[in-house]
Amino acid sequence: IEYVAPAPSLAGTNANPPPTPPGVG
């Protein structure tokens, strides 16, 4: 059996995420 569940939908998520805090990256 070969089956990979579909990827989660991005609908409804925040298209503009908050900026990354300083020092994180």
mmCIF file of all heavy atoms, coordinates in Angstrom:
data_MODEL
# 
_entry.id   MODEL 
# 
loop_
_atom_site.group_PDB 
_atom_site.id 
_atom_site.type_symbol 
_atom_site.label_atom_id 
_atom_site.label_alt_id 
_atom_site.label_comp_id 
_atom_site.label_asym_id 
_atom_site.label_entity_id 
_atom_site.label_seq_id 
_atom_site.pdbx_PDB_ins_code 
_atom_site.Cartn_x 
_atom_site.Cartn_y 
_atom_site.Cartn_z 
_atom_site.occupancy 
_atom_site.B_iso_or_equiv 
_atom_site.pdbx_formal_charge 
_atom_site.auth_seq_id 
_atom_site.auth_comp_id 
_atom_site.auth_asym_id 
_atom_site.auth_atom_id 
_atom_site.pdbx_PDB_model_num 
ATOM 1   N N   . ILE A 1 1  ? 0.849  -1.188 0.000  1.00 0.00 ? 1  ILE A N   1 
ATOM 2   C CA  . ILE A 1 1  ? 0.000  0.000  0.000  1.00 0.00 ? 1  ILE A CA  1 
ATOM 3   C C   . ILE A 1 1  ? 0.885  1.237  0.000  1.00 0.00 ? 1  ILE A C   1 
ATOM 4   O O   . ILE A 1 1  ? 1.717  1.406  0.901  1.00 0.00 ? 1  ILE A O   1 
ATOM 5   C CB  . ILE A 1 1  ? -0.922 0.023  1.234  1.00 0.00 ? 1  ILE A CB  1 
ATOM 6   C CG1 . ILE A 1 1  ? -1.767 -1.249 1.292  1.00 0.00 ? 1  ILE A CG1 1 
ATOM 7   C CG2 . ILE A 1 1  ? -1.812 1.269  1.226  1.00 0.00 ? 1  ILE A CG2 1 
ATOM 8   C CD1 . ILE A 1 1  ? -2.495 -1.429 2.600  1.00 0.00 ? 1  ILE A CD1 1 
ATOM 9   N N   . GLU A 1 2  ? 0.696  2.086  -0.983 1.00 0.00 ? 2  GLU A N   1 
ATOM 10  C CA  . GLU A 1 2  ? 1.428  3.346  -1.048 1.00 0.00 ? 2  GLU A CA  1 
ATOM 11  C C   . GLU A 1 2  ? 0.415  4.490  -0.968 1.00 0.00 ? 2  GLU A C   1 
ATOM 12  O O   . GLU A 1 2  ? -0.394 4.669  -1.878 1.00 0.00 ? 2  GLU A O   1 
ATOM 13  C CB  . GLU A 1 2  ? 2.229  3.441  -2.346 1.00 0.00 ? 2  GLU A CB  1 
ATOM 14  C CG  . GLU A 1 2  ? 3.274  2.345  -2.508 1.00 0.00 ? 2  GLU A CG  1 
ATOM 15  C CD  . GLU A 1 2  ? 3.938  2.395  -3.871 1.00 0.00 ? 2  GLU A CD  1 
ATOM 16  O OE1 . GLU A 1 2  ? 4.492  3.458  -4.223 1.00 0.00 ? 2  GLU A OE1 1 
ATOM 17  O OE2 . GLU A 1 2  ? 3.886  1.389  -4.596 1.00 0.00 ? 2  GLU A OE2 1 
ATOM 18  N N   . TYR A 1 3  ? 0.465  5.218  0.125  1.00 0.00 ? 3  TYR A N   1 
ATOM 19  C CA  . TYR A 1 3  ? -0.456 6.346  0.285  1.00 0.00 ? 3  TYR A CA  1 
ATOM 20  C C   . TYR A 1 3  ? 0.125  7.335  1.289  1.00 0.00 ? 3  TYR A C   1 
ATOM 21  O O   . TYR A 1 3  ? 0.523  6.951  2.388  1.00 0.00 ? 3  TYR A O   1 
ATOM 22  C CB  . TYR A 1 3  ? -1.823 5.871  0.773  1.00 0.00 ? 3  TYR A CB  1 
ATOM 23  C CG  . TYR A 1 3  ? -2.822 6.997  0.953  1.00 0.00 ? 3  TYR A CG  1 
ATOM 24  C CD1 . TYR A 1 3  ? -3.312 7.699  -0.144 1.00 0.00 ? 3  TYR A CD1 1 
ATOM 25  C CD2 . TYR A 1 3  ? -3.251 7.377  2.222  1.00 0.00 ? 3  TYR A CD2 1 
ATOM 26  C CE1 . TYR A 1 3  ? -4.210 8.740  0.013  1.00 0.00 ? 3  TYR A CE1 1 
ATOM 27  C CE2 . TYR A 1 3  ? -4.151 8.419  2.384  1.00 0.00 ? 3  TYR A CE2 1 
ATOM 28  C CZ  . TYR A 1 3  ? -4.622 9.094  1.270  1.00 0.00 ? 3  TYR A CZ  1 
ATOM 29  O OH  . TYR A 1 3  ? -5.502 10.135 1.431  1.00 0.00 ? 3  TYR A OH  1 
ATOM 30  N N   . VAL A 1 4  ? 0.187  8.565  0.893  1.00 0.00 ? 4  VAL A N   1 
ATOM 31  C CA  . VAL A 1 4  ? 0.636  9.636  1.772  1.00 0.00 ? 4  VAL A CA  1 
ATOM 32  C C   . VAL A 1 4  ? -0.529 10.605 1.941  1.00 0.00 ? 4  VAL A C   1 
ATOM 33  O O   . VAL A 1 4  ? -1.082 11.094 0.950  1.00 0.00 ? 4  VAL A O   1 
ATOM 34  C CB  . VAL A 1 4  ? 1.852  10.376 1.185  1.00 0.00 ? 4  VAL A CB  1 
ATOM 35  C CG1 . VAL A 1 4  ? 2.269  11.512 2.108  1.00 0.00 ? 4  VAL A CG1 1 
ATOM 36  C CG2 . VAL A 1 4  ? 3.009  9.410  0.980  1.00 0.00 ? 4  VAL A CG2 1 
ATOM 37  N N   . ALA A 1 5  ? -0.910 10.860 3.179  1.00 0.00 ? 5  ALA A N   1 
ATOM 38  C CA  . ALA A 1 5  ? -2.035 11.754 3.433  1.00 0.00 ? 5  ALA A CA  1 
ATOM 39  C C   . ALA A 1 5  ? -1.751 13.129 2.846  1.00 0.00 ? 5  ALA A C   1 
ATOM 40  O O   . ALA A 1 5  ? -0.620 13.602 2.865  1.00 0.00 ? 5  ALA A O   1 
ATOM 41  C CB  . ALA A 1 5  ? -2.277 11.871 4.942  1.00 0.00 ? 5  ALA A CB  1 
ATOM 42  N N   . PRO A 1 6  ? -2.780 13.765 2.272  1.00 0.00 ? 6  PRO A N   1 
ATOM 43  C CA  . PRO A 1 6  ? -2.591 15.105 1.699  1.00 0.00 ? 6  PRO A CA  1 
ATOM 44  C C   . PRO A 1 6  ? -2.042 16.087 2.724  1.00 0.00 ? 6  PRO A C   1 
ATOM 45  O O   . PRO A 1 6  ? -2.303 15.971 3.921  1.00 0.00 ? 6  PRO A O   1 
ATOM 46  C CB  . PRO A 1 6  ? -4.001 15.505 1.246  1.00 0.00 ? 6  PRO A CB  1 
ATOM 47  C CG  . PRO A 1 6  ? -4.745 14.219 1.124  1.00 0.00 ? 6  PRO A CG  1 
ATOM 48  C CD  . PRO A 1 6  ? -4.158 13.297 2.153  1.00 0.00 ? 6  PRO A CD  1 
ATOM 49  N N   . ALA A 1 7  ? -1.287 17.054 2.254  1.00 0.00 ? 7  ALA A N   1 
ATOM 50  C CA  . ALA A 1 7  ? -0.714 18.064 3.141  1.00 0.00 ? 7  ALA A CA  1 
ATOM 51  C C   . ALA A 1 7  ? -1.819 18.917 3.738  1.00 0.00 ? 7  ALA A C   1 
ATOM 52  O O   . ALA A 1 7  ? -2.872 19.118 3.115  1.00 0.00 ? 7  ALA A O   1 
ATOM 53  C CB  . ALA A 1 7  ? 0.264  18.937 2.367  1.00 0.00 ? 7  ALA A CB  1 
ATOM 54  N N   . PRO A 1 8  ? -1.615 19.426 4.951  1.00 0.00 ? 8  PRO A N   1 
ATOM 55  C CA  . PRO A 1 8  ? -2.643 20.282 5.569  1.00 0.00 ? 8  PRO A CA  1 
ATOM 56  C C   . PRO A 1 8  ? -2.914 21.515 4.728  1.00 0.00 ? 8  PRO A C   1 
ATOM 57  O O   . PRO A 1 8  ? -2.025 22.048 4.067  1.00 0.00 ? 8  PRO A O   1 
ATOM 58  C CB  . PRO A 1 8  ? -2.018 20.660 6.919  1.00 0.00 ? 8  PRO A CB  1 
ATOM 59  C CG  . PRO A 1 8  ? -0.957 19.642 7.158  1.00 0.00 ? 8  PRO A CG  1 
ATOM 60  C CD  . PRO A 1 8  ? -0.467 19.229 5.815  1.00 0.00 ? 8  PRO A CD  1 
ATOM 61  N N   . SER A 1 9  ? -4.158 21.961 4.740  1.00 0.00 ? 9  SER A N   1 
ATOM 62  C CA  . SER A 1 9  ? -4.528 23.165 4.006  1.00 0.00 ? 9  SER A CA  1 
ATOM 63  C C   . SER A 1 9  ? -4.018 24.397 4.744  1.00 0.00 ? 9  SER A C   1 
ATOM 64  O O   . SER A 1 9  ? -4.050 24.471 5.972  1.00 0.00 ? 9  SER A O   1 
ATOM 65  C CB  . SER A 1 9  ? -6.052 23.235 3.859  1.00 0.00 ? 9  SER A CB  1 
ATOM 66  O OG  . SER A 1 9  ? -6.434 24.474 3.304  1.00 0.00 ? 9  SER A OG  1 
ATOM 67  N N   . LEU A 1 10 ? -3.559 25.391 3.977  1.00 0.00 ? 10 LEU A N   1 
ATOM 68  C CA  . LEU A 1 10 ? -3.095 26.652 4.566  1.00 0.00 ? 10 LEU A CA  1 
ATOM 69  C C   . LEU A 1 10 ? -4.195 27.704 4.602  1.00 0.00 ? 10 LEU A C   1 
ATOM 70  O O   . LEU A 1 10 ? -3.966 28.833 5.007  1.00 0.00 ? 10 LEU A O   1 
ATOM 71  C CB  . LEU A 1 10 ? -1.897 27.187 3.765  1.00 0.00 ? 10 LEU A CB  1 
ATOM 72  C CG  . LEU A 1 10 ? -0.665 26.282 3.755  1.00 0.00 ? 10 LEU A CG  1 
ATOM 73  C CD1 . LEU A 1 10 ? 0.430  26.908 2.905  1.00 0.00 ? 10 LEU A CD1 1 
ATOM 74  C CD2 . LEU A 1 10 ? -0.159 26.025 5.162  1.00 0.00 ? 10 LEU A CD2 1 
ATOM 75  N N   . ALA A 1 11 ? -5.391 27.329 4.151  1.00 0.00 ? 11 ALA A N   1 
ATOM 76  C CA  . ALA A 1 11 ? -6.492 28.290 4.123  1.00 0.00 ? 11 ALA A CA  1 
ATOM 77  C C   . ALA A 1 11 ? -6.844 28.711 5.553  1.00 0.00 ? 11 ALA A C   1 
ATOM 78  O O   . ALA A 1 11 ? -6.952 27.892 6.455  1.00 0.00 ? 11 ALA A O   1 
ATOM 79  C CB  . ALA A 1 11 ? -7.709 27.665 3.446  1.00 0.00 ? 11 ALA A CB  1 
ATOM 80  N N   . GLY A 1 12 ? -7.030 29.976 5.718  1.00 0.00 ? 12 GLY A N   1 
ATOM 81  C CA  . GLY A 1 12 ? -7.415 30.491 7.018  1.00 0.00 ? 12 GLY A CA  1 
ATOM 82  C C   . GLY A 1 12 ? -6.253 30.825 7.927  1.00 0.00 ? 12 GLY A C   1 
ATOM 83  O O   . GLY A 1 12 ? -6.447 31.333 9.034  1.00 0.00 ? 12 GLY A O   1 
ATOM 84  N N   . THR A 1 13 ? -5.014 30.534 7.499  1.00 0.00 ? 13 THR A N   1 
ATOM 85  C CA  . THR A 1 13 ? -3.875 30.860 8.337  1.00 0.00 ? 13 THR A CA  1 
ATOM 86  C C   . THR A 1 13 ? -3.470 32.307 8.117  1.00 0.00 ? 13 THR A C   1 
ATOM 87  O O   . THR A 1 13 ? -3.847 32.940 7.137  1.00 0.00 ? 13 THR A O   1 
ATOM 88  C CB  . THR A 1 13 ? -2.690 29.935 8.001  1.00 0.00 ? 13 THR A CB  1 
ATOM 89  O OG1 . THR A 1 13 ? -2.369 30.091 6.616  1.00 0.00 ? 13 THR A OG1 1 
ATOM 90  C CG2 . THR A 1 13 ? -3.044 28.487 8.263  1.00 0.00 ? 13 THR A CG2 1 
ATOM 91  N N   . ASN A 1 14 ? -2.674 32.814 9.004  1.00 0.00 ? 14 ASN A N   1 
ATOM 92  C CA  . ASN A 1 14 ? -2.227 34.203 8.913  1.00 0.00 ? 14 ASN A CA  1 
ATOM 93  C C   . ASN A 1 14 ? -1.214 34.341 7.783  1.00 0.00 ? 14 ASN A C   1 
ATOM 94  O O   . ASN A 1 14 ? -0.143 33.754 7.836  1.00 0.00 ? 14 ASN A O   1 
ATOM 95  C CB  . ASN A 1 14 ? -1.603 34.620 10.254 1.00 0.00 ? 14 ASN A CB  1 
ATOM 96  C CG  . ASN A 1 14 ? -1.344 36.115 10.299 1.00 0.00 ? 14 ASN A CG  1 
ATOM 97  O OD1 . ASN A 1 14 ? -1.396 36.802 9.288  1.00 0.00 ? 14 ASN A OD1 1 
ATOM 98  N ND2 . ASN A 1 14 ? -1.081 36.617 11.511 1.00 0.00 ? 14 ASN A ND2 1 
ATOM 99  N N   . ALA A 1 15 ? -1.566 35.092 6.744  1.00 0.00 ? 15 ALA A N   1 
ATOM 100 C CA  . ALA A 1 15 ? -0.669 35.255 5.604  1.00 0.00 ? 15 ALA A CA  1 
ATOM 101 C C   . ALA A 1 15 ? 0.490  36.172 5.925  1.00 0.00 ? 15 ALA A C   1 
ATOM 102 O O   . ALA A 1 15 ? 1.493  36.192 5.216  1.00 0.00 ? 15 ALA A O   1 
ATOM 103 C CB  . ALA A 1 15 ? -1.441 35.812 4.399  1.00 0.00 ? 15 ALA A CB  1 
ATOM 104 N N   . ASN A 1 16 ? 0.369  36.967 6.987  1.00 0.00 ? 16 ASN A N   1 
ATOM 105 C CA  . ASN A 1 16 ? 1.436  37.881 7.375  1.00 0.00 ? 16 ASN A CA  1 
ATOM 106 C C   . ASN A 1 16 ? 1.859  37.576 8.805  1.00 0.00 ? 16 ASN A C   1 
ATOM 107 O O   . ASN A 1 16 ? 1.389  38.208 9.754  1.00 0.00 ? 16 ASN A O   1 
ATOM 108 C CB  . ASN A 1 16 ? 0.962  39.343 7.271  1.00 0.00 ? 16 ASN A CB  1 
ATOM 109 C CG  . ASN A 1 16 ? 0.582  39.705 5.843  1.00 0.00 ? 16 ASN A CG  1 
ATOM 110 O OD1 . ASN A 1 16 ? 1.396  39.573 4.937  1.00 0.00 ? 16 ASN A OD1 1 
ATOM 111 N ND2 . ASN A 1 16 ? -0.650 40.161 5.654  1.00 0.00 ? 16 ASN A ND2 1 
ATOM 112 N N   . PRO A 1 17 ? 2.710  36.581 8.990  1.00 0.00 ? 17 PRO A N   1 
ATOM 113 C CA  . PRO A 1 17 ? 3.115  36.205 10.349 1.00 0.00 ? 17 PRO A CA  1 
ATOM 114 C C   . PRO A 1 17 ? 3.923  37.327 10.994 1.00 0.00 ? 17 PRO A C   1 
ATOM 115 O O   . PRO A 1 17 ? 4.523  38.153 10.312 1.00 0.00 ? 17 PRO A O   1 
ATOM 116 C CB  . PRO A 1 17 ? 3.978  34.959 10.123 1.00 0.00 ? 17 PRO A CB  1 
ATOM 117 C CG  . PRO A 1 17 ? 4.468  35.089 8.717  1.00 0.00 ? 17 PRO A CG  1 
ATOM 118 C CD  . PRO A 1 17 ? 3.361  35.772 7.973  1.00 0.00 ? 17 PRO A CD  1 
ATOM 119 N N   . PRO A 1 18 ? 3.910  37.390 12.331 1.00 0.00 ? 18 PRO A N   1 
ATOM 120 C CA  . PRO A 1 18 ? 4.662  38.442 13.023 1.00 0.00 ? 18 PRO A CA  1 
ATOM 121 C C   . PRO A 1 18 ? 6.153  38.302 12.759 1.00 0.00 ? 18 PRO A C   1 
ATOM 122 O O   . PRO A 1 18 ? 6.634  37.213 12.468 1.00 0.00 ? 18 PRO A O   1 
ATOM 123 C CB  . PRO A 1 18 ? 4.327  38.195 14.500 1.00 0.00 ? 18 PRO A CB  1 
ATOM 124 C CG  . PRO A 1 18 ? 3.909  36.755 14.555 1.00 0.00 ? 18 PRO A CG  1 
ATOM 125 C CD  . PRO A 1 18 ? 3.241  36.482 13.247 1.00 0.00 ? 18 PRO A CD  1 
ATOM 126 N N   . PRO A 1 19 ? 6.885  39.420 12.828 1.00 0.00 ? 19 PRO A N   1 
ATOM 127 C CA  . PRO A 1 19 ? 8.324  39.348 12.571 1.00 0.00 ? 19 PRO A CA  1 
ATOM 128 C C   . PRO A 1 19 ? 9.034  38.488 13.606 1.00 0.00 ? 19 PRO A C   1 
ATOM 129 O O   . PRO A 1 19 ? 8.588  38.359 14.752 1.00 0.00 ? 19 PRO A O   1 
ATOM 130 C CB  . PRO A 1 19 ? 8.766  40.817 12.668 1.00 0.00 ? 19 PRO A CB  1 
ATOM 131 C CG  . PRO A 1 19 ? 7.719  41.477 13.501 1.00 0.00 ? 19 PRO A CG  1 
ATOM 132 C CD  . PRO A 1 19 ? 6.442  40.769 13.167 1.00 0.00 ? 19 PRO A CD  1 
ATOM 133 N N   . THR A 1 20 ? 10.138 37.887 13.189 1.00 0.00 ? 20 THR A N   1 
ATOM 134 C CA  . THR A 1 20 ? 10.911 37.035 14.082 1.00 0.00 ? 20 THR A CA  1 
ATOM 135 C C   . THR A 1 20 ? 11.594 37.883 15.136 1.00 0.00 ? 20 THR A C   1 
ATOM 136 O O   . THR A 1 20 ? 12.195 38.916 14.813 1.00 0.00 ? 20 THR A O   1 
ATOM 137 C CB  . THR A 1 20 ? 11.972 36.268 13.273 1.00 0.00 ? 20 THR A CB  1 
ATOM 138 O OG1 . THR A 1 20 ? 11.319 35.544 12.248 1.00 0.00 ? 20 THR A OG1 1 
ATOM 139 C CG2 . THR A 1 20 ? 12.742 35.316 14.166 1.00 0.00 ? 20 THR A CG2 1 
ATOM 140 N N   . PRO A 1 21 ? 11.510 37.504 16.408 1.00 0.00 ? 21 PRO A N   1 
ATOM 141 C CA  . PRO A 1 21 ? 12.152 38.284 17.466 1.00 0.00 ? 21 PRO A CA  1 
ATOM 142 C C   . PRO A 1 21 ? 13.657 38.366 17.242 1.00 0.00 ? 21 PRO A C   1 
ATOM 143 O O   . PRO A 1 21 ? 14.239 37.486 16.622 1.00 0.00 ? 21 PRO A O   1 
ATOM 144 C CB  . PRO A 1 21 ? 11.821 37.492 18.744 1.00 0.00 ? 21 PRO A CB  1 
ATOM 145 C CG  . PRO A 1 21 ? 10.645 36.655 18.385 1.00 0.00 ? 21 PRO A CG  1 
ATOM 146 C CD  . PRO A 1 21 ? 10.783 36.351 16.939 1.00 0.00 ? 21 PRO A CD  1 
ATOM 147 N N   . PRO A 1 22 ? 14.278 39.423 17.732 1.00 0.00 ? 22 PRO A N   1 
ATOM 148 C CA  . PRO A 1 22 ? 15.729 39.558 17.574 1.00 0.00 ? 22 PRO A CA  1 
ATOM 149 C C   . PRO A 1 22 ? 16.469 38.379 18.198 1.00 0.00 ? 22 PRO A C   1 
ATOM 150 O O   . PRO A 1 22 ? 16.103 37.892 19.268 1.00 0.00 ? 22 PRO A O   1 
ATOM 151 C CB  . PRO A 1 22 ? 16.048 40.866 18.327 1.00 0.00 ? 22 PRO A CB  1 
ATOM 152 C CG  . PRO A 1 22 ? 14.760 41.598 18.383 1.00 0.00 ? 22 PRO A CG  1 
ATOM 153 C CD  . PRO A 1 22 ? 13.683 40.562 18.431 1.00 0.00 ? 22 PRO A CD  1 
ATOM 154 N N   . GLY A 1 23 ? 17.501 37.917 17.495 1.00 0.00 ? 23 GLY A N   1 
ATOM 155 C CA  . GLY A 1 23 ? 18.324 36.838 18.025 1.00 0.00 ? 23 GLY A CA  1 
ATOM 156 C C   . GLY A 1 23 ? 17.847 35.464 17.654 1.00 0.00 ? 23 GLY A C   1 
ATOM 157 O O   . GLY A 1 23 ? 18.518 34.482 17.947 1.00 0.00 ? 23 GLY A O   1 
ATOM 158 N N   . VAL A 1 24 ? 16.677 35.340 17.007 1.00 0.00 ? 24 VAL A N   1 
ATOM 159 C CA  . VAL A 1 24 ? 16.154 34.038 16.633 1.00 0.00 ? 24 VAL A CA  1 
ATOM 160 C C   . VAL A 1 24 ? 16.324 33.861 15.131 1.00 0.00 ? 24 VAL A C   1 
ATOM 161 O O   . VAL A 1 24 ? 15.907 34.714 14.351 1.00 0.00 ? 24 VAL A O   1 
ATOM 162 C CB  . VAL A 1 24 ? 14.673 33.889 17.015 1.00 0.00 ? 24 VAL A CB  1 
ATOM 163 C CG1 . VAL A 1 24 ? 14.142 32.551 16.537 1.00 0.00 ? 24 VAL A CG1 1 
ATOM 164 C CG2 . VAL A 1 24 ? 14.508 34.012 18.510 1.00 0.00 ? 24 VAL A CG2 1 
ATOM 165 N N   . GLY A 1 25 ? 16.913 32.779 14.722 1.00 0.00 ? 25 GLY A N   1 
ATOM 166 C CA  . GLY A 1 25 ? 17.128 32.540 13.303 1.00 0.00 ? 25 GLY A CA  1 
ATOM 167 C C   . GLY A 1 25 ? 18.159 31.463 13.107 1.00 0.00 ? 25 GLY A C   1 
ATOM 168 O O   . GLY A 1 25 ? 18.648 30.858 14.064 1.00 0.00 ? 25 GLY A O   1 
# 
